[in-house]
Amino acid sequence: MMAHWKERARQLRMELEALVLAYRDPRVPWHARLFAACVVAYAFSPIDLIPDPIPLLGYLDDLVLIPLGVLLALRMIPAPVMAECRARARNQALQRRPNWFAAGVILVIWIALAALVIRLLI
């Protein structure tokens, strides 16, 4: 069951990446581009309509609003354009490599913060 949900989350992320590519395509009508941009911005934004700490409701907006927004955006975009954008998104995902530099920077920041906390406590 958990594998099913992980696969669905991967598919949703791939659709979001395809929407980013479709947003940039001049063959997409302006209203679809605007809506797709709003959906992608909301999906990747750390700010939600309902904050995540609120029990159940906090994650409900992510589980309902984002897939619904993606579905509506996909209906606005011409099918041939979307198929091309999905193929490009898959190719980009296959060519993507881990960013070890960014991972190293984040690791150094966490170690520095841990050292600071330890220093303040001792």
Protein backbone atom coordinates (compact mmCIF):
# COMPACT_ATOMS: atom_id res chain seq x y z
CA MET A 1 0.00 0.00 0.00
CA MET A 2 2.79 2.41 0.89
CA ALA A 3 4.59 1.62 -2.37
CA HIS A 4 1.41 2.58 -4.24
CA TRP A 5 1.30 6.00 -2.57
CA LYS A 6 5.00 6.59 -3.18
CA GLU A 7 4.47 5.83 -6.86
CA ARG A 8 1.51 8.22 -6.99
CA ALA A 9 3.64 10.93 -5.36
CA ARG A 10 6.39 10.36 -7.99
CA GLN A 11 3.80 10.62 -10.75
CA LEU A 12 2.44 13.85 -9.28
CA ARG A 13 5.91 15.33 -9.08
CA MET A 14 6.57 14.34 -12.71
CA GLU A 15 3.29 15.97 -13.75
CA LEU A 16 4.32 19.14 -11.89
CA GLU A 17 7.65 19.16 -13.70
CA ALA A 18 5.81 18.70 -17.01
CA LEU A 19 3.53 21.60 -16.07
CA VAL A 20 6.59 23.79 -15.56
CA LEU A 21 7.71 22.94 -19.08
CA ALA A 22 4.19 23.46 -20.47
CA TYR A 23 3.97 26.85 -18.76
CA ARG A 24 6.97 27.98 -20.79
CA ASP A 25 5.59 26.66 -24.09
CA PRO A 26 4.13 29.42 -26.30
CA ARG A 27 1.55 26.99 -27.77
CA VAL A 28 -0.27 26.90 -24.42
CA PRO A 29 -3.10 29.47 -24.06
CA TRP A 30 -2.37 32.32 -21.67
CA HIS A 31 -5.11 31.34 -19.20
CA ALA A 32 -3.74 27.79 -18.98
CA ARG A 33 -0.22 29.17 -18.50
CA LEU A 34 -1.42 31.42 -15.69
CA PHE A 35 -3.32 28.61 -13.97
CA ALA A 36 -0.41 26.15 -14.37
CA ALA A 37 1.98 28.72 -12.89
CA CYS A 38 -0.30 29.17 -9.88
CA VAL A 39 -0.60 25.41 -9.34
CA VAL A 40 3.16 24.87 -9.56
CA ALA A 41 3.88 27.86 -7.30
CA TYR A 42 1.42 26.57 -4.70
CA ALA A 43 2.81 23.03 -4.90
CA PHE A 44 6.39 24.14 -4.30
CA SER A 45 5.57 26.96 -1.89
CA PRO A 46 6.31 26.43 1.80
CA ILE A 47 3.17 28.46 2.59
CA ASP A 48 -0.16 26.59 2.55
CA LEU A 49 -3.74 27.82 2.77
CA ILE A 50 -4.12 25.63 5.85
CA PRO A 51 -0.89 25.30 7.89
CA ASP A 52 0.43 21.74 8.17
CA PRO A 53 0.57 21.69 12.01
CA ILE A 54 -3.25 21.76 12.14
CA PRO A 55 -4.21 18.09 12.62
CA LEU A 56 -5.64 16.40 9.51
CA LEU A 57 -6.70 19.63 7.82
CA GLY A 58 -3.09 20.75 7.41
CA TYR A 59 -2.27 17.93 5.01
CA LEU A 60 -5.73 17.73 3.50
CA ASP A 61 -5.15 20.80 1.34
CA ASP A 62 -1.97 19.21 -0.05
CA LEU A 63 -3.76 15.92 -0.70
CA VAL A 64 -6.74 17.55 -2.42
CA LEU A 65 -5.85 20.98 -3.80
CA ILE A 66 -2.60 20.11 -5.56
CA PRO A 67 -3.86 17.02 -7.43
CA LEU A 68 -7.10 18.85 -8.29
CA GLY A 69 -5.14 21.85 -9.55
CA VAL A 70 -2.86 19.61 -11.63
CA LEU A 71 -5.88 17.83 -13.10
CA LEU A 72 -7.55 21.12 -14.06
CA ALA A 73 -4.33 22.52 -15.53
CA LEU A 74 -3.84 19.37 -17.60
CA ARG A 75 -7.32 19.75 -19.06
CA MET A 76 -6.52 23.32 -20.17
CA ILE A 77 -3.29 22.40 -21.96
CA PRO A 78 -3.46 20.87 -25.46
CA ALA A 79 -2.79 17.11 -25.32
CA PRO A 80 0.07 17.07 -27.89
CA VAL A 81 1.90 19.82 -26.00
CA MET A 82 1.43 18.01 -22.70
CA ALA A 83 2.68 14.71 -24.15
CA GLU A 84 5.81 16.46 -25.40
CA CYS A 85 6.34 18.15 -22.01
CA ARG A 86 5.93 14.83 -20.18
CA ALA A 87 8.56 13.23 -22.41
CA ARG A 88 10.95 16.13 -21.79
CA ALA A 89 10.32 15.94 -18.03
CA ARG A 90 11.07 12.18 -18.05
CA ASN A 91 14.30 12.76 -19.98
CA GLN A 92 15.37 15.50 -17.58
CA ALA A 93 14.63 13.24 -14.60
CA LEU A 94 16.75 10.45 -16.09
CA GLN A 95 19.68 12.81 -16.70
CA ARG A 96 19.46 14.45 -13.28
CA ARG A 97 22.29 13.64 -10.92
CA PRO A 98 22.47 14.24 -7.19
CA ASN A 99 23.85 17.65 -6.33
CA TRP A 100 26.60 16.64 -3.93
CA PHE A 101 27.79 20.23 -3.46
CA ALA A 102 24.36 21.34 -2.22
CA ALA A 103 24.14 18.26 0.01
CA GLY A 104 27.57 19.11 1.45
CA VAL A 105 26.58 22.71 2.16
CA ILE A 106 23.41 21.59 3.94
CA LEU A 107 25.39 19.03 5.95
CA VAL A 108 27.92 21.67 7.01
CA ILE A 109 25.09 23.99 8.09
CA TRP A 110 23.47 21.23 10.18
CA ILE A 111 26.80 20.35 11.81
CA ALA A 112 27.47 24.02 12.56
CA LEU A 113 24.02 24.44 14.09
CA ALA A 114 24.46 21.29 16.19
CA ALA A 115 27.85 22.53 17.39
CA LEU A 116 26.33 25.91 18.27
CA VAL A 117 23.52 24.29 20.25
CA ILE A 118 25.97 22.06 22.09
CA ARG A 119 28.22 25.06 22.81
CA LEU A 120 25.28 27.05 24.19
CA LEU A 121 24.12 24.16 26.40
CA ILE A 122 27.53 23.45 27.88
